Amino acid sequence: MQIGKKHGYKTDVNKKGQLFDMQDDSGQRFNLIEKHPEKTRQLRQLLEQIKTQDGSAPHLNK
């Protein structure tokens, strides 16, 4: 496990990640990450953007 230098979030670089439909699967039983690669890519980009902003709240430019 790695800990980021500035943000302190723990990142397991060996994990593929998790993506759940919280409305229909609040028990988080079905990982949908492989079924939705585009959404996974978008969320990873968003996470990287948040991590580089030196803050806990995202400042998104759309």
PDB file of N, CA and C in Angstrom:
ATOM      1  N   MET A   1       0.841  -1.176   0.000  1.00  0.00           N
ATOM      2  CA  MET A   1       0.000   0.000   0.000  1.00  0.00           C
ATOM      3  C   MET A   1       0.886   1.239   0.000  1.00  0.00           C
ATOM      4  N   GLN A   2       0.489   2.257  -0.728  1.00  0.00           N
ATOM      5  CA  GLN A   2       1.237   3.498  -0.771  1.00  0.00           C
ATOM      6  C   GLN A   2       0.403   4.609  -0.158  1.00  0.00           C
ATOM      7  N   ILE A   3       1.068   5.562   0.434  1.00  0.00           N
ATOM      8  CA  ILE A   3       0.373   6.749   0.937  1.00  0.00           C
ATOM      9  C   ILE A   3       0.904   7.933   0.158  1.00  0.00           C
ATOM     10  N   GLY A   4      -0.006   8.712  -0.397  1.00  0.00           N
ATOM     11  CA  GLY A   4       0.393   9.861  -1.198  1.00  0.00           C
ATOM     12  C   GLY A   4       1.133  10.904  -0.376  1.00  0.00           C
ATOM     13  N   LYS A   5       2.025  11.635  -1.017  1.00  0.00           N
ATOM     14  CA  LYS A   5       2.861  12.605  -0.327  1.00  0.00           C
ATOM     15  C   LYS A   5       2.054  13.775   0.241  1.00  0.00           C
ATOM     16  N   LYS A   6       1.131  14.298  -0.529  1.00  0.00           N
ATOM     17  CA  LYS A   6       0.422  15.503  -0.104  1.00  0.00           C
ATOM     18  C   LYS A   6      -0.955  15.213   0.472  1.00  0.00           C
ATOM     19  N   HIS A   7      -1.652  14.260  -0.088  1.00  0.00           N
ATOM     20  CA  HIS A   7      -3.057  14.091   0.243  1.00  0.00           C
ATOM     21  C   HIS A   7      -3.320  13.088   1.341  1.00  0.00           C
ATOM     22  N   GLY A   8      -2.439  12.142   1.571  1.00  0.00           N
ATOM     23  CA  GLY A   8      -2.613  11.184   2.645  1.00  0.00           C
ATOM     24  C   GLY A   8      -3.577  10.051   2.356  1.00  0.00           C
ATOM     25  N   TYR A   9      -4.155   9.990   1.169  1.00  0.00           N
ATOM     26  CA  TYR A   9      -5.056   8.891   0.831  1.00  0.00           C
ATOM     27  C   TYR A   9      -4.249   7.625   0.641  1.00  0.00           C
ATOM     28  N   LYS A  10      -4.756   6.536   1.161  1.00  0.00           N
ATOM     29  CA  LYS A  10      -4.096   5.256   0.940  1.00  0.00           C
ATOM     30  C   LYS A  10      -4.485   4.748  -0.440  1.00  0.00           C
ATOM     31  N   THR A  11      -3.504   4.284  -1.174  1.00  0.00           N
ATOM     32  CA  THR A  11      -3.738   3.780  -2.520  1.00  0.00           C
ATOM     33  C   THR A  11      -3.074   2.427  -2.651  1.00  0.00           C
ATOM     34  N   ASP A  12      -3.855   1.435  -2.950  1.00  0.00           N
ATOM     35  CA  ASP A  12      -3.301   0.106  -3.200  1.00  0.00           C
ATOM     36  C   ASP A  12      -3.149  -0.023  -4.703  1.00  0.00           C
ATOM     37  N   VAL A  13      -1.935   0.100  -5.202  1.00  0.00           N
ATOM     38  CA  VAL A  13      -1.692   0.101  -6.639  1.00  0.00           C
ATOM     39  C   VAL A  13      -1.942  -1.260  -7.276  1.00  0.00           C
ATOM     40  N   ASN A  14      -2.060  -2.308  -6.469  1.00  0.00           N
ATOM     41  CA  ASN A  14      -2.304  -3.639  -7.004  1.00  0.00           C
ATOM     42  C   ASN A  14      -3.787  -3.980  -7.097  1.00  0.00           C
ATOM     43  N   LYS A  15      -4.648  -3.160  -6.558  1.00  0.00           N
ATOM     44  CA  LYS A  15      -6.083  -3.427  -6.591  1.00  0.00           C
ATOM     45  C   LYS A  15      -6.709  -2.873  -7.857  1.00  0.00           C
ATOM     46  N   LYS A  16      -7.686  -3.581  -8.387  1.00  0.00           N
ATOM     47  CA  LYS A  16      -8.345  -3.096  -9.594  1.00  0.00           C
ATOM     48  C   LYS A  16      -9.388  -2.029  -9.286  1.00  0.00           C
ATOM     49  N   GLY A  17      -9.845  -1.935  -8.064  1.00  0.00           N
ATOM     50  CA  GLY A  17     -10.816  -0.924  -7.670  1.00  0.00           C
ATOM     51  C   GLY A  17     -12.193  -1.518  -7.458  1.00  0.00           C
ATOM     52  N   GLN A  18     -13.084  -0.663  -7.035  1.00  0.00           N
ATOM     53  CA  GLN A  18     -14.453  -1.088  -6.773  1.00  0.00           C
ATOM     54  C   GLN A  18     -15.415  -0.026  -7.286  1.00  0.00           C
ATOM     55  N   LEU A  19     -16.508  -0.486  -7.871  1.00  0.00           N
ATOM     56  CA  LEU A  19     -17.549   0.401  -8.368  1.00  0.00           C
ATOM     57  C   LEU A  19     -18.884  -0.279  -8.100  1.00  0.00           C
ATOM     58  N   PHE A  20     -19.726   0.403  -7.320  1.00  0.00           N
ATOM     59  CA  PHE A  20     -21.010  -0.186  -6.944  1.00  0.00           C
ATOM     60  C   PHE A  20     -22.152   0.739  -7.325  1.00  0.00           C
ATOM     61  N   ASP A  21     -23.300   0.169  -7.596  1.00  0.00           N
ATOM     62  CA  ASP A  21     -24.537   0.906  -7.815  1.00  0.00           C
ATOM     63  C   ASP A  21     -25.200   1.031  -6.445  1.00  0.00           C
ATOM     64  N   MET A  22     -24.979   2.159  -5.786  1.00  0.00           N
ATOM     65  CA  MET A  22     -25.446   2.313  -4.410  1.00  0.00           C
ATOM     66  C   MET A  22     -26.963   2.397  -4.303  1.00  0.00           C
ATOM     67  N   GLN A  23     -27.632   2.748  -5.371  1.00  0.00           N
ATOM     68  CA  GLN A  23     -29.090   2.804  -5.340  1.00  0.00           C
ATOM     69  C   GLN A  23     -29.683   1.399  -5.351  1.00  0.00           C
ATOM     70  N   ASP A  24     -29.161   0.528  -6.193  1.00  0.00           N
ATOM     71  CA  ASP A  24     -29.717  -0.818  -6.331  1.00  0.00           C
ATOM     72  C   ASP A  24     -28.945  -1.885  -5.566  1.00  0.00           C
ATOM     73  N   ASP A  25     -27.755  -1.547  -5.077  1.00  0.00           N
ATOM     74  CA  ASP A  25     -26.912  -2.532  -4.387  1.00  0.00           C
ATOM     75  C   ASP A  25     -26.221  -1.863  -3.196  1.00  0.00           C
ATOM     76  N   SER A  26     -27.011  -1.383  -2.247  1.00  0.00           N
ATOM     77  CA  SER A  26     -26.451  -0.665  -1.103  1.00  0.00           C
ATOM     78  C   SER A  26     -25.589  -1.565  -0.223  1.00  0.00           C
ATOM     79  N   GLY A  27     -25.743  -2.869  -0.345  1.00  0.00           N
ATOM     80  CA  GLY A  27     -24.907  -3.812   0.391  1.00  0.00           C
ATOM     81  C   GLY A  27     -23.556  -4.046  -0.255  1.00  0.00           C
ATOM     82  N   GLN A  28     -23.313  -3.409  -1.378  1.00  0.00           N
ATOM     83  CA  GLN A  28     -22.054  -3.499  -2.122  1.00  0.00           C
ATOM     84  C   GLN A  28     -21.640  -4.956  -2.363  1.00  0.00           C
ATOM     85  N   ARG A  29     -22.551  -5.694  -2.952  1.00  0.00           N
ATOM     86  CA  ARG A  29     -22.292  -7.104  -3.233  1.00  0.00           C
ATOM     87  C   ARG A  29     -21.732  -7.335  -4.629  1.00  0.00           C
ATOM     88  N   PHE A  30     -22.062  -6.442  -5.573  1.00  0.00           N
ATOM     89  CA  PHE A  30     -21.695  -6.667  -6.966  1.00  0.00           C
ATOM     90  C   PHE A  30     -20.760  -5.558  -7.459  1.00  0.00           C
ATOM     91  N   ASN A  31     -19.483  -5.873  -7.623  1.00  0.00           N
ATOM     92  CA  ASN A  31     -18.500  -4.915  -8.118  1.00  0.00           C
ATOM     93  C   ASN A  31     -18.677  -4.774  -9.632  1.00  0.00           C
ATOM     94  N   LEU A  32     -18.987  -3.578 -10.086  1.00  0.00           N
ATOM     95  CA  LEU A  32     -19.293  -3.328 -11.499  1.00  0.00           C
ATOM     96  C   LEU A  32     -18.129  -2.718 -12.271  1.00  0.00           C
ATOM     97  N   ILE A  33     -16.955  -2.698 -11.686  1.00  0.00           N
ATOM     98  CA  ILE A  33     -15.832  -1.981 -12.302  1.00  0.00           C
ATOM     99  C   ILE A  33     -15.479  -2.510 -13.686  1.00  0.00           C
ATOM    100  N   GLU A  34     -15.553  -3.801 -13.901  1.00  0.00           N
ATOM    101  CA  GLU A  34     -15.193  -4.354 -15.212  1.00  0.00           C
ATOM    102  C   GLU A  34     -16.315  -4.184 -16.236  1.00  0.00           C
ATOM    103  N   LYS A  35     -17.542  -3.988 -15.766  1.00  0.00           N
ATOM    104  CA  LYS A  35     -18.665  -3.794 -16.681  1.00  0.00           C
ATOM    105  C   LYS A  35     -18.763  -2.359 -17.185  1.00  0.00           C
ATOM    106  N   HIS A  36     -18.083  -1.426 -16.498  1.00  0.00           N
ATOM    107  CA  HIS A  36     -18.184  -0.003 -16.841  1.00  0.00           C
ATOM    108  C   HIS A  36     -16.800   0.643 -16.921  1.00  0.00           C
ATOM    109  N   PRO A  37     -15.988   0.259 -17.909  1.00  0.00           N
ATOM    110  CA  PRO A  37     -14.620   0.793 -17.990  1.00  0.00           C
ATOM    111  C   PRO A  37     -14.560   2.293 -18.240  1.00  0.00           C
ATOM    112  N   GLU A  38     -15.488   2.854 -18.978  1.00  0.00           N
ATOM    113  CA  GLU A  38     -15.468   4.294 -19.252  1.00  0.00           C
ATOM    114  C   GLU A  38     -15.750   5.088 -17.977  1.00  0.00           C
ATOM    115  N   LYS A  39     -16.737   4.666 -17.201  1.00  0.00           N
ATOM    116  CA  LYS A  39     -17.051   5.329 -15.933  1.00  0.00           C
ATOM    117  C   LYS A  39     -15.875   5.189 -14.980  1.00  0.00           C
ATOM    118  N   THR A  40     -15.232   4.032 -14.973  1.00  0.00           N
ATOM    119  CA  THR A  40     -14.068   3.803 -14.127  1.00  0.00           C
ATOM    120  C   THR A  40     -12.946   4.770 -14.507  1.00  0.00           C
ATOM    121  N   ARG A  41     -12.712   4.932 -15.786  1.00  0.00           N
ATOM    122  CA  ARG A  41     -11.677   5.855 -16.253  1.00  0.00           C
ATOM    123  C   ARG A  41     -11.998   7.288 -15.822  1.00  0.00           C
ATOM    124  N   GLN A  42     -13.243   7.708 -15.974  1.00  0.00           N
ATOM    125  CA  GLN A  42     -13.649   9.059 -15.592  1.00  0.00           C
ATOM    126  C   GLN A  42     -13.464   9.294 -14.095  1.00  0.00           C
ATOM    127  N   LEU A  43     -13.852   8.320 -13.297  1.00  0.00           N
ATOM    128  CA  LEU A  43     -13.732   8.477 -11.846  1.00  0.00           C
ATOM    129  C   LEU A  43     -12.274   8.489 -11.403  1.00  0.00           C
ATOM    130  N   ARG A  44     -11.436   7.700 -12.062  1.00  0.00           N
ATOM    131  CA  ARG A  44      -9.999   7.722 -11.722  1.00  0.00           C
ATOM    132  C   ARG A  44      -9.371   9.055 -12.087  1.00  0.00           C
ATOM    133  N   GLN A  45      -9.768   9.625 -13.222  1.00  0.00           N
ATOM    134  CA  GLN A  45      -9.266  10.942 -13.606  1.00  0.00           C
ATOM    135  C   GLN A  45      -9.710  11.994 -12.595  1.00  0.00           C
ATOM    136  N   LEU A  46     -10.951  11.924 -12.160  1.00  0.00           N
ATOM    137  CA  LEU A  46     -11.471  12.856 -11.169  1.00  0.00           C
ATOM    138  C   LEU A  46     -10.703  12.721  -9.852  1.00  0.00           C
ATOM    139  N   LEU A  47     -10.434  11.509  -9.417  1.00  0.00           N
ATOM    140  CA  LEU A  47      -9.676  11.284  -8.195  1.00  0.00           C
ATOM    141  C   LEU A  47      -8.274  11.880  -8.307  1.00  0.00           C
ATOM    142  N   GLU A  48      -7.619  11.687  -9.445  1.00  0.00           N
ATOM    143  CA  GLU A  48      -6.286  12.258  -9.629  1.00  0.00           C
ATOM    144  C   GLU A  48      -6.337  13.780  -9.586  1.00  0.00           C
ATOM    145  N   GLN A  49      -7.374  14.365 -10.155  1.00  0.00           N
ATOM    146  CA  GLN A  49      -7.533  15.816 -10.137  1.00  0.00           C
ATOM    147  C   GLN A  49      -7.707  16.300  -8.699  1.00  0.00           C
ATOM    148  N   ILE A  50      -8.520  15.618  -7.922  1.00  0.00           N
ATOM    149  CA  ILE A  50      -8.742  15.994  -6.526  1.00  0.00           C
ATOM    150  C   ILE A  50      -7.454  15.871  -5.723  1.00  0.00           C
ATOM    151  N   LYS A  51      -6.705  14.793  -5.948  1.00  0.00           N
ATOM    152  CA  LYS A  51      -5.481  14.558  -5.191  1.00  0.00           C
ATOM    153  C   LYS A  51      -4.425  15.627  -5.463  1.00  0.00           C
ATOM    154  N   THR A  52      -4.409  16.216  -6.641  1.00  0.00           N
ATOM    155  CA  THR A  52      -3.403  17.218  -6.972  1.00  0.00           C
ATOM    156  C   THR A  52      -3.804  18.623  -6.541  1.00  0.00           C
ATOM    157  N   GLN A  53      -4.988  18.800  -5.979  1.00  0.00           N
ATOM    158  CA  GLN A  53      -5.462  20.127  -5.593  1.00  0.00           C
ATOM    159  C   GLN A  53      -5.098  20.517  -4.159  1.00  0.00           C
ATOM    160  N   ASP A  54      -4.403  19.650  -3.431  1.00  0.00           N
ATOM    161  CA  ASP A  54      -3.988  19.941  -2.061  1.00  0.00           C
ATOM    162  C   ASP A  54      -5.160  20.255  -1.140  1.00  0.00           C
ATOM    163  N   GLY A  55      -6.283  19.648  -1.374  1.00  0.00           N
ATOM    164  CA  GLY A  55      -7.433  19.883  -0.505  1.00  0.00           C
ATOM    165  C   GLY A  55      -8.377  18.723  -0.520  1.00  0.00           C
ATOM    166  N   SER A  56      -9.297  18.725   0.395  1.00  0.00           N
ATOM    167  CA  SER A  56     -10.227  17.612   0.472  1.00  0.00           C
ATOM    168  C   SER A  56     -11.445  17.800  -0.410  1.00  0.00           C
ATOM    169  N   ALA A  57     -11.751  19.043  -0.774  1.00  0.00           N
ATOM    170  CA  ALA A  57     -12.921  19.309  -1.601  1.00  0.00           C
ATOM    171  C   ALA A  57     -12.484  19.548  -3.043  1.00  0.00           C
ATOM    172  N   PRO A  58     -13.155  18.918  -3.994  1.00  0.00           N
ATOM    173  CA  PRO A  58     -12.772  19.120  -5.389  1.00  0.00           C
ATOM    174  C   PRO A  58     -13.164  20.496  -5.896  1.00  0.00           C
ATOM    175  N   HIS A  59     -12.308  21.066  -6.728  1.00  0.00           N
ATOM    176  CA  HIS A  59     -12.597  22.314  -7.425  1.00  0.00           C
ATOM    177  C   HIS A  59     -12.620  21.956  -8.904  1.00  0.00           C
ATOM    178  N   LEU A  60     -13.775  21.595  -9.387  1.00  0.00           N
ATOM    179  CA  LEU A  60     -13.886  21.088 -10.739  1.00  0.00           C
ATOM    180  C   LEU A  60     -14.189  22.206 -11.728  1.00  0.00           C
ATOM    181  N   ASN A  61     -13.444  22.222 -12.792  1.00  0.00           N
ATOM    182  CA  ASN A  61     -13.675  23.163 -13.883  1.00  0.00           C
ATOM    183  C   ASN A  61     -14.336  22.416 -15.009  1.00  0.00           C
ATOM    184  N   LYS A  62     -15.560  22.734 -15.293  1.00  0.00           N
ATOM    185  CA  LYS A  62     -16.276  22.029 -16.365  1.00  0.00           C
ATOM    186  C   LYS A  62     -16.443  22.924 -17.553  1.00  0.00           C
TER     187      LYS A  62
END
